[in-house]
Amino acid sequence: MNRSFLFCVFLASFGSASEFTAKIDAGINASDPRKAIPLMAAGIQAWEDADGRRPLRNACYNLAVKLMQDGNYKDALTFLDRAVKIDPTFVEARVNRSLVYIFLGGIEAGMRESLDARRLAPGRPEGAMNACLALSLLEDFAGALGYCEESVKLQSTQVGQLNLAIAYAELGRHAEAATAMAAANAGRNDWLSSSDQTAAPVMARAQAAYVIALAGRVDESEKIFAGLASGGVMPVFTYIYRGRAKLRRGALEQGIADLDVVAASDTESVRMQALAIRAKGHARAGHAALAAKDRAEACRLGWTPTCPKAKKRAPREEE
């Protein structure tokens, strides 16, 4: 059937393209953005060869962002892929697609997408920031450092400065990590003792506690972690940082116990990361069979660095 005819039929069902995008926006803003997915799927094929590709690109992107906010990364990737297919130079979609790849465990793919975004918009920090994150997750902190530094030079943000602080701390450069921490703290009085339990501030404090732990200030770090608890329970993802900190100082069983909490989570994006880290803890503790089991499960969930045929390192810019 002629696709132009399909497009006309499709738009006729909504009256106009503007009415279509209004309905999509209403779905995106609804309590469950998944309600917008069938509507988008019905219109994409009919619309992509017709006029109005930019509104479709934006509608795909806006729905993807909402799905990301709700933790629905697989559906978000579908619509980011479509937005990028419509416009390969759409930097915001490329940046967010790199994050979705990373959250779904495809670290190498996330790294490649980050570098593509960086090439498309060399004056923006997001590509470098996501490259910093990808290499840090692969524990290539020497490789990550340059991208971390570049991102904060382009724009100093709390997220960027904390990523930089972690890279410095992992490399044993604790004075520079402290400087980055101070920059992350700029204009935020008493942020480490804040009672704000929303996700971003809690994540920032967990990362800061990890940096402080790597500097050997264990009691101070544990006090910050304890302050993250709400009703005596910390948010699941914060156990990753505390578990990693304990593994780093040799408290293997305690670190594994923290990671057990995350490995039991229903959220795959944090569960697979915890399994990969716990596998290293089990290996160091001499639990070879448990380490192999964790690596296999992380791979099954999509965490590519634990898969037998995974690349040993992510692509670099020169490649």
Protein backbone atom coordinates (compact mmCIF):
# COMPACT_ATOMS: atom_id res chain seq x y z
CA MET A 1 0.00 0.00 0.00
CA ASN A 2 1.22 3.51 -0.86
CA ARG A 3 2.93 5.02 2.19
CA SER A 4 1.76 8.54 1.36
CA PHE A 5 -1.79 7.21 1.44
CA LEU A 6 -1.08 5.58 4.83
CA PHE A 7 0.26 8.88 6.09
CA CYS A 8 -2.83 10.76 4.98
CA VAL A 9 -5.11 8.17 6.58
CA PHE A 10 -3.07 8.32 9.77
CA LEU A 11 -3.13 12.12 10.02
CA ALA A 12 -6.81 12.19 9.13
CA SER A 13 -7.48 10.12 12.23
CA PHE A 14 -6.00 12.96 14.31
CA GLY A 15 -7.03 15.95 12.22
CA SER A 16 -3.52 17.39 11.85
CA ALA A 17 0.13 16.81 12.66
CA SER A 18 -0.14 19.30 15.52
CA GLU A 19 -3.01 17.29 17.02
CA PHE A 20 -0.91 14.14 16.73
CA THR A 21 2.02 15.69 18.57
CA ALA A 22 -0.36 17.07 21.18
CA LYS A 23 -1.71 13.58 21.79
CA ILE A 24 1.85 12.23 22.04
CA ASP A 25 2.75 14.95 24.52
CA ALA A 26 -0.32 14.09 26.58
CA GLY A 27 0.79 10.47 26.64
CA ILE A 28 4.31 11.44 27.60
CA ASN A 29 3.04 13.56 30.45
CA ALA A 30 0.65 10.88 31.67
CA SER A 31 1.43 8.90 34.76
CA ASP A 32 2.33 5.94 32.55
CA PRO A 33 4.23 7.08 29.43
CA ARG A 34 3.98 3.57 27.99
CA LYS A 35 0.48 4.57 26.89
CA ALA A 36 2.10 6.74 24.23
CA ILE A 37 4.14 3.86 22.75
CA PRO A 38 1.39 2.24 20.61
CA LEU A 39 0.38 5.64 19.27
CA MET A 40 3.94 6.39 18.24
CA ALA A 41 4.40 2.96 16.68
CA ALA A 42 1.24 3.43 14.62
CA GLY A 43 2.42 6.70 13.16
CA ILE A 44 6.18 6.35 12.70
CA GLN A 45 6.22 4.29 9.52
CA ALA A 46 3.54 6.42 7.87
CA TRP A 47 5.14 9.69 8.83
CA GLU A 48 8.84 9.16 8.29
CA ASP A 49 8.73 9.60 4.52
CA ALA A 50 6.41 12.59 4.65
CA ASP A 51 6.82 16.21 5.60
CA GLY A 52 7.12 16.83 9.31
CA ARG A 53 10.17 14.67 10.06
CA ARG A 54 11.41 17.20 12.62
CA PRO A 55 8.21 17.02 14.74
CA LEU A 56 8.41 13.22 14.57
CA ARG A 57 12.07 13.31 15.58
CA ASN A 58 11.23 15.51 18.56
CA ALA A 59 8.21 13.40 19.53
CA CYS A 60 10.35 10.25 19.53
CA TYR A 61 13.01 11.97 21.60
CA ASN A 62 10.59 13.44 24.14
CA LEU A 63 8.93 10.08 24.70
CA ALA A 64 12.35 8.41 25.06
CA VAL A 65 13.43 10.91 27.73
CA LYS A 66 10.26 10.28 29.73
CA LEU A 67 10.76 6.53 29.45
CA MET A 68 14.34 6.96 30.67
CA GLN A 69 13.12 8.93 33.66
CA ASP A 70 10.82 6.02 34.49
CA GLY A 71 13.68 3.52 34.14
CA ASN A 72 12.21 1.95 30.98
CA TYR A 73 15.49 1.93 29.07
CA LYS A 74 14.64 -0.75 26.51
CA ASP A 75 11.61 1.12 25.16
CA ALA A 76 13.54 4.39 25.42
CA LEU A 77 16.23 2.92 23.16
CA THR A 78 13.64 2.06 20.51
CA PHE A 79 12.56 5.69 20.21
CA LEU A 80 16.08 7.12 20.49
CA ASP A 81 17.08 4.82 17.64
CA ARG A 82 14.22 6.22 15.57
CA ALA A 83 15.09 9.83 16.41
CA VAL A 84 18.72 9.22 15.38
CA LYS A 85 17.62 7.45 12.18
CA ILE A 86 15.57 10.51 11.27
CA ASP A 87 18.41 12.90 12.18
CA PRO A 88 21.88 11.39 12.78
CA THR A 89 23.15 14.83 13.84
CA PHE A 90 20.62 15.15 16.69
CA VAL A 91 23.13 15.55 19.51
CA GLU A 92 20.66 15.30 22.42
CA ALA A 93 19.43 11.94 21.13
CA ARG A 94 22.98 10.67 20.62
CA VAL A 95 23.96 11.73 24.16
CA ASN A 96 20.95 10.05 25.72
CA ARG A 97 21.36 6.96 23.57
CA SER A 98 24.92 6.59 24.86
CA LEU A 99 23.56 6.66 28.42
CA VAL A 100 20.86 4.11 27.63
CA TYR A 101 23.44 1.78 26.10
CA ILE A 102 25.49 2.11 29.31
CA PHE A 103 22.47 1.61 31.59
CA LEU A 104 21.57 -1.53 29.62
CA GLY A 105 25.11 -2.86 30.06
CA GLY A 106 26.41 -2.17 26.56
CA ILE A 107 29.41 -0.21 27.77
CA GLU A 108 31.41 -0.42 24.55
CA ALA A 109 28.42 0.70 22.47
CA GLY A 110 27.85 3.53 24.93
CA MET A 111 31.46 4.59 24.58
CA ARG A 112 31.24 4.67 20.77
CA GLU A 113 28.02 6.69 20.90
CA SER A 114 29.59 9.11 23.40
CA LEU A 115 32.50 9.74 21.06
CA ASP A 116 30.08 10.28 18.15
CA ALA A 117 28.19 12.86 20.22
CA ARG A 118 31.48 14.49 21.18
CA ARG A 119 32.52 14.79 17.52
CA LEU A 120 29.16 16.25 16.56
CA ALA A 121 29.31 18.90 19.31
CA PRO A 122 32.90 19.37 20.49
CA GLY A 123 31.99 22.42 22.56
CA ARG A 124 29.46 20.55 24.68
CA PRO A 125 30.40 18.51 27.78
CA GLU A 126 27.94 15.60 27.56
CA GLY A 127 29.87 13.42 25.10
CA ALA A 128 33.06 13.65 27.13
CA MET A 129 31.14 13.10 30.39
CA ASN A 130 29.52 9.92 29.10
CA ALA A 131 32.87 8.67 27.75
CA CYS A 132 34.30 9.30 31.22
CA LEU A 133 31.47 7.24 32.73
CA ALA A 134 31.84 4.36 30.26
CA LEU A 135 35.59 3.97 30.78
CA SER A 136 35.15 4.30 34.55
CA LEU A 137 32.66 1.42 34.51
CA LEU A 138 35.28 -0.61 32.63
CA GLU A 139 37.73 0.42 35.41
CA ASP A 140 39.99 2.09 32.86
CA PHE A 141 40.42 5.16 35.05
CA ALA A 142 43.60 6.30 33.32
CA GLY A 143 41.68 6.35 30.03
CA ALA A 144 38.64 7.96 31.64
CA LEU A 145 40.57 10.80 33.26
CA GLY A 146 41.12 12.88 30.13
CA TYR A 147 37.43 12.78 29.23
CA CYS A 148 36.43 13.60 32.83
CA GLU A 149 38.77 16.61 32.83
CA GLU A 150 37.50 17.75 29.42
CA SER A 151 33.86 17.62 30.51
CA VAL A 152 34.38 19.91 33.54
CA LYS A 153 36.50 22.32 31.53
CA LEU A 154 33.63 22.69 29.08
CA GLN A 155 31.06 23.00 31.89
CA SER A 156 31.61 22.46 35.59
CA THR A 157 28.68 20.47 36.98
CA GLN A 158 28.32 18.50 40.18
CA VAL A 159 27.98 15.23 38.23
CA GLY A 160 31.06 15.99 36.14
CA GLN A 161 33.18 17.02 39.12
CA LEU A 162 32.20 13.88 41.07
CA ASN A 163 33.05 11.67 38.10
CA LEU A 164 36.41 13.44 37.95
CA ALA A 165 36.92 13.01 41.70
CA ILE A 166 36.29 9.27 41.43
CA ALA A 167 38.79 8.91 38.58
CA TYR A 168 41.44 10.82 40.54
CA ALA A 169 40.74 8.79 43.70
CA GLU A 170 40.92 5.47 41.85
CA LEU A 171 44.33 6.53 40.53
CA GLY A 172 45.52 7.45 44.03
CA ARG A 173 45.58 11.18 43.29
CA HIS A 174 43.70 12.12 46.44
CA ALA A 175 44.65 15.81 46.61
CA GLU A 176 43.23 16.36 43.13
CA ALA A 177 40.18 14.29 44.05
CA ALA A 178 39.64 16.63 47.02
CA THR A 179 39.85 19.65 44.71
CA ALA A 180 37.21 18.15 42.41
CA MET A 181 35.04 17.37 45.44
CA ALA A 182 35.31 21.00 46.55
CA ALA A 183 34.22 22.11 43.07
CA ALA A 184 31.26 19.70 43.25
CA ASN A 185 30.37 21.27 46.60
CA ALA A 186 30.52 24.85 45.30
CA GLY A 187 27.48 26.80 46.44
CA ARG A 188 25.96 23.78 48.20
CA ASN A 189 26.21 24.29 51.93
CA ASP A 190 26.38 21.11 54.01
CA TRP A 191 25.44 18.96 51.02
CA LEU A 192 27.12 15.86 52.47
CA SER A 193 24.84 15.99 55.52
CA SER A 194 21.72 16.96 53.58
CA SER A 195 18.47 15.13 54.34
CA ASP A 196 17.31 15.36 50.71
CA GLN A 197 16.33 11.82 49.72
CA THR A 198 15.63 12.42 46.03
CA ALA A 199 17.70 10.36 43.64
CA ALA A 200 20.27 12.86 42.33
CA PRO A 201 21.38 14.27 45.72
CA VAL A 202 21.55 10.76 47.22
CA MET A 203 23.67 9.55 44.29
CA ALA A 204 25.99 12.54 44.68
CA ARG A 205 26.48 11.87 48.40
CA ALA A 206 27.09 8.16 47.76
CA GLN A 207 29.77 9.02 45.19
CA ALA A 208 31.35 11.51 47.59
CA ALA A 209 31.37 8.91 50.38
CA TYR A 210 33.15 6.51 48.00
CA VAL A 211 35.84 9.07 47.17
CA ILE A 212 36.35 9.77 50.88
CA ALA A 213 36.62 6.03 51.58
CA LEU A 214 39.33 5.64 48.93
CA ALA A 215 41.28 8.37 50.71
CA GLY A 216 41.29 6.17 53.82
CA ARG A 217 38.76 8.21 55.80
CA VAL A 218 36.58 5.19 56.51
CA ASP A 219 34.67 6.50 59.55
CA GLU A 220 33.75 9.71 57.74
CA SER A 221 32.65 7.75 54.71
CA GLU A 222 30.50 5.37 56.75
CA LYS A 223 28.82 8.31 58.47
CA ILE A 224 27.79 9.72 55.09
CA PHE A 225 26.49 6.33 53.93
CA ALA A 226 24.47 5.99 57.15
CA GLY A 227 22.94 9.40 56.48
CA LEU A 228 21.61 8.13 53.14
CA ALA A 229 19.22 5.76 54.89
CA SER A 230 15.54 6.59 55.00
CA GLY A 231 13.71 4.65 57.70
CA GLY A 232 16.89 2.69 58.29
CA VAL A 233 17.20 1.53 54.67
CA MET A 234 19.55 3.02 52.07
CA PRO A 235 18.42 3.34 48.42
CA VAL A 236 19.49 0.18 46.60
CA PHE A 237 22.02 1.79 44.23
CA THR A 238 24.00 3.34 47.11
CA TYR A 239 25.00 -0.16 48.24
CA ILE A 240 27.08 -0.42 45.07
CA TYR A 241 29.36 2.40 46.22
CA ARG A 242 29.60 1.15 49.80
CA GLY A 243 30.22 -2.39 48.61
CA ARG A 244 32.93 -1.24 46.22
CA ALA A 245 34.57 0.80 48.97
CA LYS A 246 34.66 -2.22 51.27
CA LEU A 247 36.11 -4.45 48.55
CA ARG A 248 38.80 -1.87 47.86
CA ARG A 249 39.97 -1.88 51.49
CA GLY A 250 39.90 -5.67 51.69
CA ALA A 251 36.69 -6.12 53.70
CA LEU A 252 35.58 -8.71 51.14
CA GLU A 253 32.72 -10.45 52.92
CA GLN A 254 31.24 -7.13 54.07
CA GLY A 255 31.50 -5.73 50.54
CA ILE A 256 29.91 -8.84 49.06
CA ALA A 257 27.06 -8.56 51.60
CA ASP A 258 26.34 -4.99 50.46
CA LEU A 259 26.36 -6.07 46.83
CA ASP A 260 23.99 -8.93 47.69
CA VAL A 261 21.34 -6.27 48.37
CA VAL A 262 21.71 -4.80 44.88
CA ALA A 263 22.01 -8.19 43.15
CA ALA A 264 18.53 -9.03 44.49
CA SER A 265 17.05 -5.85 42.99
CA ASP A 266 14.33 -5.93 40.35
CA THR A 267 16.09 -3.07 38.53
CA GLU A 268 18.27 -4.75 35.93
CA SER A 269 20.45 -1.70 35.25
CA VAL A 270 21.85 -1.71 38.80
CA ARG A 271 21.56 -5.45 39.33
CA MET A 272 23.87 -6.36 36.45
CA GLN A 273 26.48 -3.84 37.60
CA ALA A 274 26.36 -5.24 41.14
CA LEU A 275 26.77 -8.78 39.84
CA ALA A 276 29.85 -7.77 37.86
CA ILE A 277 31.43 -6.10 40.89
CA ARG A 278 30.43 -8.92 43.25
CA ALA A 279 32.06 -11.41 40.87
CA LYS A 280 35.38 -9.67 41.46
CA GLY A 281 34.81 -9.78 45.21
CA HIS A 282 34.07 -13.50 45.07
CA ALA A 283 37.18 -14.07 42.94
CA ARG A 284 39.37 -12.22 45.45
CA ALA A 285 37.79 -14.20 48.29
CA GLY A 286 38.55 -17.48 46.53
CA HIS A 287 34.93 -18.24 45.58
CA ALA A 288 35.67 -19.17 41.96
CA ALA A 289 32.35 -20.88 41.26
CA LEU A 290 30.33 -17.98 42.67
CA ALA A 291 32.42 -15.50 40.68
CA ALA A 292 31.75 -17.43 37.46
CA LYS A 293 28.03 -17.60 38.25
CA ASP A 294 27.84 -13.83 38.80
CA ARG A 295 29.72 -13.08 35.58
CA ALA A 296 27.42 -15.37 33.60
CA GLU A 297 24.27 -13.80 35.06
CA ALA A 298 25.55 -10.26 34.48
CA CYS A 299 26.31 -11.21 30.87
CA ARG A 300 22.83 -12.73 30.45
CA LEU A 301 21.27 -9.48 31.65
CA GLY A 302 23.35 -7.50 29.13
CA TRP A 303 26.49 -6.36 31.00
CA THR A 304 28.83 -6.95 28.06
CA PRO A 305 32.20 -6.58 29.88
CA THR A 306 31.50 -9.86 31.72
CA CYS A 307 30.70 -11.80 28.55
CA PRO A 308 33.38 -14.26 27.36
CA LYS A 309 33.78 -12.60 23.97
CA ALA A 310 33.57 -9.01 25.24
CA LYS A 311 36.20 -6.57 24.07
CA LYS A 312 38.87 -5.97 26.64
CA ARG A 313 38.64 -2.22 26.28
CA ALA A 314 36.27 0.33 24.89
CA PRO A 315 37.07 2.16 21.64
CA ARG A 316 39.13 5.30 21.96
CA GLU A 317 38.86 8.45 19.91
CA GLU A 318 41.75 7.56 17.59
CA GLU A 319 40.00 4.34 16.56
